[in-house]
Structures are given as structure tokens and as C-alpha cells.
Amino acid sequence: MTQGARAGASGDAPPDAVLEVTEAEGHVRFAVHVQPRAGRNEISGVHGRAIKVRLTAPPVEGAANQALIELLSRRLGVPKSSIRILRGQSSRRKAIEVQGITAAALRAIVFQGR
């Protein structure tokens, strides 16, 4: 069982204790683990130290990356232009930077209803 699954399933540790978020100068940076070709677009919790995101888009020609940016924009309440994929354009594991949101706000959105 992964650390993220353990915290989310059993509640023995605060869920945000495993999520690694860096905040500096008006932006946050965090890792995302993408599951393409899922049944729906959603933030589904934590995978290791990354936010787990399920996307209906396939991982071809940037479709999943575009869907990721659209989902994060909608959920975080920031313009799409405020979101950058720093690393991992062709990988499931991505490094993301978002302008105009705090680490606390990000954690509140990720763990909403958990």
C-alpha cells in the first residue's frame, strides 16, 4: 500500500502530510500523477507525494496535458495561462507551477470532501 493510499483510506495521518507543495513569490509548485483514458476528469487524491488526476483524454499529441491544464484551471479557479507544466510533458508524472494560488488553498481543494 502506498503512503498516499494509506493516509487517504485509513485516516491515520493527515492527508496533506504526504502531499509535497512548494510555495514562493505568488506561485505554488507540485507534482501530479496522471491517469489518462479514465472514466472522468477529476482530482482523485494523492499518489505518493503527488496529486493524482484522472483524465478522459488519451496521452497522444498533448491531449492529456491540455485536459490537465483545463481541469486544474477550473478546480483551482485560475486562468489556464497561470498554469505551466515544468517537467514531464510526455510522462504520467509531471511538475506543475500555478500562479495566483496558495499552498493552503491547493491542499483545501485537493482534500475537499476527503
Foldseek 3Di string as FASTA:
>chain_A
DAPLCCCVPVVPDPNLVQADWDDDDQKIKGKEQEDELDPDWDQDTDDRRHTYTYYNHDLPPQRRVVRVLVSCCVLLVHDSVQKDFPDDSNHRMTMMMGGHDDPVSVVCSNPPPD
